[in-house]
Amino acid sequence: MTEERPTPSLRIVRGNANEEELAALIAVVTDAYEREAADAVADEPSISAWQRTQRPLRKPLRRDIPWGRFSR
């Protein structure tokens, strides 16, 4: 499975850039974007031995199910 990342978009709103300047700008922005995306990795959650041995909390009581002879 390949991971698709969104591509950054670039729009020049002022001035007249030639092809060399645009190529340099795109190279710099692309490199900065790739570095930021590589550094934005979430840390693995660490689970302690205490958390592994903990019993899960009890599920809440279901009030919609009648109980014994005390129901209606």
N, C-alpha and C. Protein backbone atom coordinates (compact mmCIF):
# COMPACT_ATOMS: atom_id res chain seq x y z
N MET A 1 0.84 -1.17 0.00
CA MET A 1 0.00 0.00 0.00
C MET A 1 0.89 1.23 0.00
N THR A 2 0.72 2.09 -0.98
CA THR A 2 1.52 3.30 -1.05
C THR A 2 0.81 4.43 -0.33
N GLU A 3 1.58 5.21 0.35
CA GLU A 3 1.03 6.33 1.11
C GLU A 3 1.09 7.58 0.25
N GLU A 4 -0.06 8.16 -0.02
CA GLU A 4 -0.11 9.37 -0.82
C GLU A 4 -0.14 10.58 0.08
N ARG A 5 0.77 11.49 -0.16
CA ARG A 5 0.81 12.72 0.60
C ARG A 5 0.25 13.84 -0.26
N PRO A 6 -0.40 14.79 0.34
CA PRO A 6 -0.89 15.92 -0.46
C PRO A 6 0.30 16.74 -0.97
N THR A 7 0.21 17.20 -2.19
CA THR A 7 1.29 18.00 -2.75
C THR A 7 1.03 19.46 -2.44
N PRO A 8 2.06 20.18 -2.07
CA PRO A 8 1.87 21.60 -1.78
C PRO A 8 1.61 22.36 -3.07
N SER A 9 0.80 23.37 -3.00
CA SER A 9 0.55 24.19 -4.18
C SER A 9 1.26 25.53 -4.00
N LEU A 10 1.64 26.12 -5.11
CA LEU A 10 2.41 27.35 -5.10
C LEU A 10 1.79 28.29 -6.11
N ARG A 11 1.55 29.53 -5.69
CA ARG A 11 0.96 30.50 -6.60
C ARG A 11 1.74 31.80 -6.47
N ILE A 12 2.22 32.31 -7.59
CA ILE A 12 2.94 33.58 -7.61
C ILE A 12 1.90 34.68 -7.80
N VAL A 13 1.84 35.62 -6.86
CA VAL A 13 0.81 36.66 -6.93
C VAL A 13 1.38 38.01 -7.35
N ARG A 14 2.70 38.17 -7.30
CA ARG A 14 3.31 39.43 -7.68
C ARG A 14 4.63 39.21 -8.39
N GLY A 15 4.96 40.06 -9.27
CA GLY A 15 6.25 40.02 -9.94
C GLY A 15 6.25 39.12 -11.16
N ASN A 16 7.39 39.10 -11.83
CA ASN A 16 7.58 38.28 -13.02
C ASN A 16 8.78 37.38 -12.80
N ALA A 17 8.54 36.15 -12.45
CA ALA A 17 9.63 35.21 -12.21
C ALA A 17 9.92 34.45 -13.50
N ASN A 18 11.21 34.27 -13.79
CA ASN A 18 11.55 33.47 -14.97
C ASN A 18 11.59 31.99 -14.58
N GLU A 19 11.85 31.13 -15.53
CA GLU A 19 11.80 29.68 -15.29
C GLU A 19 12.84 29.23 -14.28
N GLU A 20 14.03 29.82 -14.31
CA GLU A 20 15.09 29.43 -13.36
C GLU A 20 14.71 29.80 -11.93
N GLU A 21 14.14 30.98 -11.76
CA GLU A 21 13.74 31.40 -10.42
C GLU A 21 12.60 30.52 -9.90
N LEU A 22 11.65 30.19 -10.76
CA LEU A 22 10.56 29.31 -10.35
C LEU A 22 11.08 27.92 -9.98
N ALA A 23 12.03 27.40 -10.77
CA ALA A 23 12.59 26.08 -10.48
C ALA A 23 13.32 26.09 -9.13
N ALA A 24 14.07 27.16 -8.85
CA ALA A 24 14.78 27.26 -7.57
C ALA A 24 13.78 27.36 -6.42
N LEU A 25 12.73 28.14 -6.59
CA LEU A 25 11.72 28.28 -5.55
C LEU A 25 11.02 26.96 -5.28
N ILE A 26 10.64 26.26 -6.33
CA ILE A 26 9.96 24.97 -6.17
C ILE A 26 10.88 23.97 -5.49
N ALA A 27 12.16 23.97 -5.85
CA ALA A 27 13.11 23.03 -5.22
C ALA A 27 13.24 23.31 -3.72
N VAL A 28 13.34 24.58 -3.35
CA VAL A 28 13.51 24.93 -1.93
C VAL A 28 12.24 24.60 -1.15
N VAL A 29 11.08 24.95 -1.69
CA VAL A 29 9.82 24.70 -0.99
C VAL A 29 9.57 23.19 -0.87
N THR A 30 9.85 22.44 -1.93
CA THR A 30 9.66 20.99 -1.90
C THR A 30 10.57 20.35 -0.87
N ASP A 31 11.83 20.77 -0.80
CA ASP A 31 12.76 20.22 0.18
C ASP A 31 12.30 20.53 1.60
N ALA A 32 11.88 21.75 1.84
CA ALA A 32 11.41 22.13 3.18
C ALA A 32 10.16 21.34 3.55
N TYR A 33 9.27 21.14 2.60
CA TYR A 33 8.04 20.38 2.86
C TYR A 33 8.36 18.92 3.18
N GLU A 34 9.27 18.31 2.44
CA GLU A 34 9.63 16.91 2.68
C GLU A 34 10.32 16.74 4.03
N ARG A 35 11.17 17.68 4.41
CA ARG A 35 11.82 17.61 5.73
C ARG A 35 10.78 17.73 6.85
N GLU A 36 9.85 18.66 6.70
CA GLU A 36 8.82 18.84 7.72
C GLU A 36 7.94 17.60 7.82
N ALA A 37 7.58 17.01 6.68
CA ALA A 37 6.74 15.81 6.69
C ALA A 37 7.49 14.64 7.33
N ALA A 38 8.79 14.54 7.11
CA ALA A 38 9.57 13.45 7.70
C ALA A 38 9.70 13.61 9.22
N ASP A 39 9.80 14.85 9.68
CA ASP A 39 9.95 15.11 11.12
C ASP A 39 8.63 15.03 11.87
N ALA A 40 7.52 15.03 11.17
CA ALA A 40 6.19 15.08 11.81
C ALA A 40 5.65 13.69 12.09
N VAL A 41 6.50 12.80 12.56
CA VAL A 41 6.08 11.43 12.87
C VAL A 41 5.73 11.37 14.36
N ALA A 42 4.59 10.80 14.65
CA ALA A 42 4.14 10.70 16.04
C ALA A 42 4.97 9.65 16.77
N ASP A 43 5.24 9.91 18.03
CA ASP A 43 5.99 8.96 18.86
C ASP A 43 5.11 7.74 19.17
N GLU A 44 5.76 6.60 19.30
CA GLU A 44 5.05 5.38 19.68
C GLU A 44 4.61 5.50 21.13
N PRO A 45 3.35 5.22 21.42
CA PRO A 45 2.93 5.30 22.82
C PRO A 45 3.60 4.19 23.64
N SER A 46 4.16 4.56 24.78
CA SER A 46 4.80 3.54 25.61
C SER A 46 3.81 3.07 26.67
N ILE A 47 3.69 1.77 26.80
CA ILE A 47 2.79 1.16 27.77
C ILE A 47 3.63 0.55 28.88
N SER A 48 3.39 0.99 30.10
CA SER A 48 4.16 0.49 31.23
C SER A 48 3.65 -0.89 31.65
N ALA A 49 4.43 -1.56 32.46
CA ALA A 49 4.03 -2.88 32.97
C ALA A 49 2.77 -2.75 33.81
N TRP A 50 2.62 -1.65 34.52
CA TRP A 50 1.42 -1.41 35.33
C TRP A 50 0.19 -1.34 34.44
N GLN A 51 0.27 -0.62 33.34
CA GLN A 51 -0.87 -0.50 32.43
C GLN A 51 -1.22 -1.84 31.78
N ARG A 52 -0.21 -2.65 31.50
CA ARG A 52 -0.48 -3.95 30.88
C ARG A 52 -1.21 -4.89 31.81
N THR A 53 -0.95 -4.78 33.10
CA THR A 53 -1.57 -5.70 34.05
C THR A 53 -2.89 -5.17 34.62
N GLN A 54 -3.23 -3.96 34.30
CA GLN A 54 -4.47 -3.37 34.80
C GLN A 54 -5.68 -4.07 34.21
N ARG A 55 -6.65 -4.34 35.05
CA ARG A 55 -7.91 -4.90 34.58
C ARG A 55 -8.73 -3.76 33.98
N PRO A 56 -9.38 -3.98 32.86
CA PRO A 56 -10.16 -2.90 32.28
C PRO A 56 -11.33 -2.52 33.19
N LEU A 57 -11.78 -1.30 33.07
CA LEU A 57 -12.91 -0.84 33.87
C LEU A 57 -14.18 -1.60 33.48
N ARG A 58 -15.07 -1.74 34.44
CA ARG A 58 -16.33 -2.41 34.20
C ARG A 58 -17.18 -1.58 33.25
N LYS A 59 -17.90 -2.26 32.40
CA LYS A 59 -18.80 -1.56 31.49
C LYS A 59 -19.97 -0.99 32.30
N PRO A 60 -20.53 0.12 31.88
CA PRO A 60 -21.66 0.68 32.63
C PRO A 60 -22.87 -0.24 32.58
N LEU A 61 -23.68 -0.16 33.62
CA LEU A 61 -24.88 -0.98 33.68
C LEU A 61 -25.87 -0.56 32.61
N ARG A 62 -26.54 -1.54 32.05
CA ARG A 62 -27.57 -1.23 31.05
C ARG A 62 -28.90 -1.05 31.76
N ARG A 63 -29.42 0.12 31.72
CA ARG A 63 -30.67 0.45 32.40
C ARG A 63 -31.88 0.04 31.58
N ASP A 64 -31.69 -0.32 30.31
CA ASP A 64 -32.82 -0.68 29.47
C ASP A 64 -33.23 -2.14 29.62
N ILE A 65 -32.42 -2.97 30.29
CA ILE A 65 -32.75 -4.38 30.49
C ILE A 65 -33.35 -4.53 31.89
N PRO A 66 -34.57 -5.07 32.01
CA PRO A 66 -35.14 -5.24 33.35
C PRO A 66 -34.38 -6.30 34.14
N TRP A 67 -34.41 -6.20 35.48
CA TRP A 67 -33.65 -7.09 36.30
C TRP A 67 -34.59 -7.84 37.25
N GLY A 68 -34.62 -9.15 37.15
CA GLY A 68 -35.35 -10.02 38.07
C GLY A 68 -36.81 -9.64 38.28
N ARG A 69 -37.33 -9.88 39.48
CA ARG A 69 -38.73 -9.64 39.76
C ARG A 69 -39.04 -8.18 40.05
N PHE A 70 -38.01 -7.37 40.10
CA PHE A 70 -38.22 -5.96 40.37
C PHE A 70 -38.59 -5.16 39.13
N SER A 71 -38.64 -5.84 37.99
CA SER A 71 -39.04 -5.13 36.77
C SER A 71 -40.55 -5.05 36.70
N ARG A 72 -41.07 -4.06 36.18
CA ARG A 72 -42.48 -3.77 36.01
C ARG A 72 -43.35 -4.85 36.46
